[in-house]
Amino acid sequence: MTFWDHLEELRWVLFRVAGALLLFMVLSFSFMPYLFDHFVLGPTSSDFFLYRWFCHVSGQLPFLPDFCNDDYHVDIININVASQFLTHITTSFWFAFVLSFPYLIFEVWRFVSPALYQNEKKSVGLAFTAGTFMFFLGCAVGYTLVFPLTFRFLTEYQLSETIANQISLNSYMGNFLMMIFIMGVVFELPLLAWLLSKMGLVTKDFFRKYRKYAVVVLLVLAAVITPSGDPFTLMVVFLPLYLLYELSILFVKEGKEELTIDN
């Protein structure tokens, strides 16, 4: 194919991707009132499944934080005239992006695969598949663990009893989307380690050598993500991050010195 043929193919790829995004955005926009009440605003109520499960666990383990407060509820307020309409549109877009993400990856793969050798196609195909799965897994962890725990701690924290928390719609949605997508990106760590290993920049020995430093960094990162004072919440966030670090070692190649010793 000539340069212009590649541009023409890329143009159709962009058209198909835009069409898929538009289709899912229209569907998300239609169902957004239901999705917003039952999914997006789920962590604002004591009926959220994570709080109920932690309530059951904390009843058996007294050192855990108390999640059995049935009166917990946070009212989200709107202080801008156009915020609800704009939030409806932007949230529909992000839902559409997540729902169409596998198709977007498929289109990228279909565009680049003709330029790859047969052995490269297998490796890159596995990388695309694993990256997509890890992104969704990270977003799920962000929604089911990281954001609810962070949100509940911050909304129950009081500097003074005379100060009432009133959470704005923009503030809630900003933190909601940020936490979920940060976890989706963080869960790409094994894929990033694999790519760096393919480029010869890191080895298993590198990850093992700096493991103790990584533990400290991950603990600090977990503390930043969930500024709760209790160790339980900290460990809930830290353990997935540390497991990702250990999982990354499995995808990294052995160093030359290690291979020499093994031989």
Protein backbone atom coordinates (compact mmCIF):
# COMPACT_ATOMS: atom_id res chain seq x y z
CA MET A 1 0.00 0.00 0.00
CA THR A 2 1.13 3.53 -0.73
CA PHE A 3 1.30 6.30 1.83
CA TRP A 4 -2.04 7.69 0.62
CA ASP A 5 -3.60 4.22 0.78
CA HIS A 6 -2.55 4.01 4.45
CA LEU A 7 -4.08 7.42 5.11
CA GLU A 8 -7.31 6.31 3.44
CA GLU A 9 -7.40 3.18 5.59
CA LEU A 10 -6.73 5.25 8.71
CA ARG A 11 -9.55 7.59 7.74
CA TRP A 12 -12.01 4.68 7.62
CA VAL A 13 -10.71 3.36 10.92
CA LEU A 14 -11.40 6.75 12.51
CA PHE A 15 -14.88 6.81 10.96
CA ARG A 16 -15.72 3.36 12.34
CA VAL A 17 -14.34 4.26 15.79
CA ALA A 18 -16.32 7.52 15.84
CA GLY A 19 -19.44 5.65 14.73
CA ALA A 20 -19.06 3.08 17.52
CA LEU A 21 -18.50 5.83 20.10
CA LEU A 22 -21.54 7.73 18.84
CA LEU A 23 -23.73 4.61 18.95
CA PHE A 24 -22.73 3.70 22.52
CA MET A 25 -22.99 7.35 23.56
CA VAL A 26 -26.60 7.52 22.34
CA LEU A 27 -27.42 4.30 24.20
CA SER A 28 -25.67 5.53 27.35
CA PHE A 29 -27.45 8.89 27.11
CA SER A 30 -30.82 7.11 26.87
CA PHE A 31 -30.21 4.94 29.93
CA MET A 32 -28.17 7.48 31.91
CA PRO A 33 -30.89 8.40 34.48
CA TYR A 34 -31.08 4.74 35.55
CA LEU A 35 -27.29 4.21 35.36
CA PHE A 36 -26.67 7.39 37.34
CA ASP A 37 -29.05 6.48 40.16
CA HIS A 38 -28.04 2.82 40.49
CA PHE A 39 -24.39 2.81 39.42
CA VAL A 40 -22.72 6.23 39.56
CA LEU A 41 -24.40 7.32 42.80
CA GLY A 42 -24.22 3.86 44.38
CA PRO A 43 -21.34 4.74 46.79
CA THR A 44 -23.36 7.66 48.24
CA SER A 45 -25.72 5.36 50.13
CA SER A 46 -25.32 2.76 52.88
CA ASP A 47 -27.05 0.24 50.56
CA PHE A 48 -23.93 0.03 48.38
CA PHE A 49 -22.91 -3.62 48.16
CA LEU A 50 -19.33 -3.01 49.37
CA TYR A 51 -20.53 -1.29 52.54
CA ARG A 52 -22.98 -4.13 53.28
CA TRP A 53 -20.28 -6.74 52.79
CA PHE A 54 -17.79 -4.85 54.95
CA CYS A 55 -20.51 -4.47 57.59
CA HIS A 56 -20.87 -8.23 57.72
CA VAL A 57 -17.09 -8.72 57.90
CA SER A 58 -16.52 -5.97 60.49
CA GLY A 59 -19.09 -7.59 62.75
CA GLN A 60 -16.86 -10.65 62.93
CA LEU A 61 -13.55 -8.76 63.07
CA PRO A 62 -13.87 -5.93 65.63
CA PHE A 63 -10.62 -4.17 64.61
CA LEU A 64 -12.09 -3.18 61.21
CA PRO A 65 -13.78 0.20 60.63
CA ASP A 66 -17.54 0.36 61.20
CA PHE A 67 -19.51 0.09 57.96
CA CYS A 68 -22.85 -0.76 59.58
CA ASN A 69 -24.20 2.78 59.75
CA ASP A 70 -27.53 2.46 57.92
CA ASP A 71 -28.03 6.23 58.10
CA TYR A 72 -25.07 6.94 55.82
CA HIS A 73 -26.21 8.97 52.84
CA VAL A 74 -24.63 11.83 50.92
CA ASP A 75 -26.76 14.30 49.00
CA ILE A 76 -25.11 15.53 45.82
CA ILE A 77 -26.02 19.13 45.08
CA ASN A 78 -25.84 21.16 41.88
CA ILE A 79 -24.65 24.79 42.05
CA ASN A 80 -24.34 25.55 38.32
CA VAL A 81 -27.28 25.97 35.95
CA ALA A 82 -25.91 23.78 33.15
CA SER A 83 -24.03 21.18 35.25
CA GLN A 84 -26.69 18.46 35.16
CA PHE A 85 -27.06 18.67 31.38
CA LEU A 86 -23.29 18.77 30.79
CA THR A 87 -22.74 15.91 33.24
CA HIS A 88 -25.36 13.88 31.38
CA ILE A 89 -23.41 14.34 28.14
CA THR A 90 -19.88 13.84 29.52
CA THR A 91 -20.83 10.80 31.59
CA SER A 92 -22.52 9.28 28.53
CA PHE A 93 -19.28 9.79 26.61
CA TRP A 94 -17.15 8.06 29.27
CA PHE A 95 -19.59 5.16 29.50
CA ALA A 96 -19.48 4.91 25.69
CA PHE A 97 -15.67 4.96 25.75
CA VAL A 98 -15.49 2.12 28.29
CA LEU A 99 -18.17 0.02 26.57
CA SER A 100 -16.62 0.43 23.12
CA PHE A 101 -13.02 0.04 24.33
CA PRO A 102 -12.67 -3.60 23.10
CA TYR A 103 -13.86 -2.54 19.64
CA LEU A 104 -11.45 0.41 19.62
CA ILE A 105 -8.58 -1.94 20.46
CA PHE A 106 -9.74 -4.31 17.72
CA GLU A 107 -9.68 -1.49 15.14
CA VAL A 108 -6.17 -0.44 16.22
CA TRP A 109 -5.05 -4.07 15.98
CA ARG A 110 -6.58 -4.51 12.53
CA PHE A 111 -4.82 -1.37 11.30
CA VAL A 112 -1.31 -2.26 12.55
CA SER A 113 -1.36 -6.05 12.10
CA PRO A 114 -0.59 -6.08 8.32
CA ALA A 115 2.77 -4.42 9.08
CA LEU A 116 3.82 -7.16 11.53
CA TYR A 117 5.53 -10.50 11.01
CA GLN A 118 3.66 -13.63 12.00
CA ASN A 119 5.53 -14.08 15.29
CA GLU A 120 5.03 -10.37 16.10
CA LYS A 121 1.30 -10.63 15.45
CA LYS A 122 0.94 -13.27 18.15
CA SER A 123 2.85 -11.24 20.75
CA VAL A 124 1.16 -7.93 19.96
CA GLY A 125 -2.26 -9.60 19.82
CA LEU A 126 -1.75 -11.05 23.28
CA ALA A 127 -0.56 -7.65 24.52
CA PHE A 128 -3.70 -5.93 23.20
CA THR A 129 -5.94 -8.59 24.75
CA ALA A 130 -4.15 -8.55 28.10
CA GLY A 131 -4.06 -4.75 28.17
CA THR A 132 -7.80 -4.54 27.53
CA PHE A 133 -8.56 -7.08 30.26
CA MET A 134 -6.28 -5.38 32.79
CA PHE A 135 -7.81 -1.97 32.02
CA PHE A 136 -11.32 -3.26 32.74
CA LEU A 137 -10.09 -5.06 35.85
CA GLY A 138 -8.46 -1.86 37.10
CA CYS A 139 -11.62 0.16 36.47
CA ALA A 140 -13.63 -2.49 38.35
CA VAL A 141 -11.26 -2.33 41.34
CA GLY A 142 -11.47 1.47 41.24
CA TYR A 143 -15.27 1.41 41.33
CA THR A 144 -15.78 -1.42 43.82
CA LEU A 145 -12.94 -0.65 46.26
CA VAL A 146 -10.83 2.47 45.83
CA PHE A 147 -13.42 5.14 45.15
CA PRO A 148 -16.07 3.99 47.69
CA LEU A 149 -13.55 3.71 50.52
CA THR A 150 -11.96 7.06 49.70
CA PHE A 151 -15.31 8.78 49.24
CA ARG A 152 -16.79 7.43 52.46
CA PHE A 153 -13.78 8.42 54.53
CA LEU A 154 -13.66 11.96 53.12
CA THR A 155 -17.41 12.55 53.49
CA GLU A 156 -17.43 11.29 57.10
CA TYR A 157 -14.32 13.25 58.10
CA GLN A 158 -15.10 16.34 60.14
CA LEU A 159 -12.74 19.17 60.99
CA SER A 160 -15.52 20.68 63.09
CA GLU A 161 -19.05 19.54 63.93
CA THR A 162 -20.37 22.95 62.87
CA ILE A 163 -19.24 22.34 59.26
CA ALA A 164 -21.67 20.39 57.08
CA ASN A 165 -20.38 18.58 54.01
CA GLN A 166 -22.22 19.53 50.83
CA ILE A 167 -20.73 17.70 47.86
CA SER A 168 -21.23 19.36 44.49
CA LEU A 169 -22.03 17.37 41.37
CA ASN A 170 -18.84 18.52 39.61
CA SER A 171 -16.67 17.57 42.60
CA TYR A 172 -18.26 14.12 42.87
CA MET A 173 -17.97 13.32 39.17
CA GLY A 174 -14.40 14.61 38.99
CA ASN A 175 -13.26 12.29 41.79
CA PHE A 176 -15.41 9.41 40.54
CA LEU A 177 -13.93 9.42 37.04
CA MET A 178 -10.38 10.19 38.19
CA MET A 179 -10.22 7.32 40.71
CA ILE A 180 -11.65 4.75 38.31
CA PHE A 181 -9.50 5.67 35.32
CA ILE A 182 -6.35 6.02 37.45
CA MET A 183 -6.84 2.42 38.60
CA GLY A 184 -7.47 1.35 35.00
CA VAL A 185 -4.15 2.90 33.96
CA VAL A 186 -2.27 1.56 37.01
CA PHE A 187 -3.38 -1.98 36.16
CA GLU A 188 -1.47 -1.67 32.87
CA LEU A 189 1.78 -1.99 34.87
CA PRO A 190 2.38 -5.66 33.85
CA LEU A 191 1.93 -4.74 30.18
CA LEU A 192 4.30 -1.78 30.56
CA ALA A 193 6.86 -4.04 32.23
CA TRP A 194 6.54 -6.54 29.36
CA LEU A 195 7.07 -3.83 26.74
CA LEU A 196 10.11 -2.41 28.58
CA SER A 197 11.48 -5.93 28.84
CA LYS A 198 11.03 -6.45 25.09
CA MET A 199 13.05 -3.26 24.57
CA GLY A 200 15.78 -4.58 26.87
CA LEU A 201 15.34 -1.81 29.45
CA VAL A 202 14.34 -3.94 32.45
CA THR A 203 14.90 -7.50 33.64
CA LYS A 204 13.62 -9.74 36.42
CA ASP A 205 16.73 -8.89 38.42
CA PHE A 206 15.84 -5.17 38.22
CA PHE A 207 12.39 -5.76 39.74
CA ARG A 208 13.78 -8.07 42.43
CA LYS A 209 16.58 -5.69 43.34
CA TYR A 210 14.26 -2.73 43.86
CA ARG A 211 11.36 -4.67 45.42
CA LYS A 212 11.79 -3.11 48.89
CA TYR A 213 11.85 0.39 47.40
CA ALA A 214 8.76 -0.45 45.33
CA VAL A 215 6.92 -1.50 48.52
CA VAL A 216 7.58 1.92 50.06
CA VAL A 217 6.50 3.75 46.89
CA LEU A 218 3.33 1.66 46.59
CA LEU A 219 2.48 2.27 50.25
CA VAL A 220 2.85 6.01 49.72
CA LEU A 221 0.74 5.79 46.55
CA ALA A 222 -1.95 3.83 48.39
CA ALA A 223 -1.92 6.40 51.21
CA VAL A 224 -2.36 9.22 48.68
CA ILE A 225 -5.21 7.45 46.89
CA THR A 226 -7.01 6.61 50.14
CA PRO A 227 -6.10 9.18 52.82
CA SER A 228 -7.80 7.12 55.53
CA GLY A 229 -6.05 6.67 58.83
CA ASP A 230 -6.99 3.02 59.35
CA PRO A 231 -4.64 0.25 58.19
CA PHE A 232 -7.47 -1.84 56.75
CA THR A 233 -8.38 0.67 54.04
CA LEU A 234 -4.71 1.25 53.28
CA MET A 235 -4.04 -2.46 52.79
CA VAL A 236 -7.16 -2.91 50.63
CA VAL A 237 -5.60 -0.51 48.12
CA PHE A 238 -1.96 -1.50 48.65
CA LEU A 239 -2.36 -5.26 48.12
CA PRO A 240 -3.70 -5.05 44.51
CA LEU A 241 -0.88 -2.64 43.64
CA TYR A 242 1.76 -4.92 45.14
CA LEU A 243 0.29 -7.98 43.42
CA LEU A 244 0.54 -6.07 40.13
CA TYR A 245 4.24 -5.48 40.83
CA GLU A 246 4.81 -9.18 41.49
CA LEU A 247 2.76 -10.08 38.41
CA SER A 248 4.94 -7.78 36.32
CA ILE A 249 7.99 -9.90 37.23
CA LEU A 250 6.38 -12.90 35.54
CA PHE A 251 6.18 -11.02 32.23
CA VAL A 252 9.75 -9.73 32.28
CA LYS A 253 12.64 -11.56 30.62
CA GLU A 254 15.61 -12.92 32.51
CA GLY A 255 18.76 -10.81 32.43
CA LYS A 256 21.89 -11.98 30.62
CA GLU A 257 23.74 -12.55 33.88
CA GLU A 258 20.86 -14.66 35.23
CA LEU A 259 20.77 -16.74 32.05
CA THR A 260 24.56 -17.34 32.30
CA ILE A 261 24.25 -18.52 35.89
CA ASP A 262 21.32 -20.80 35.03
CA ASN A 263 23.27 -22.35 32.15
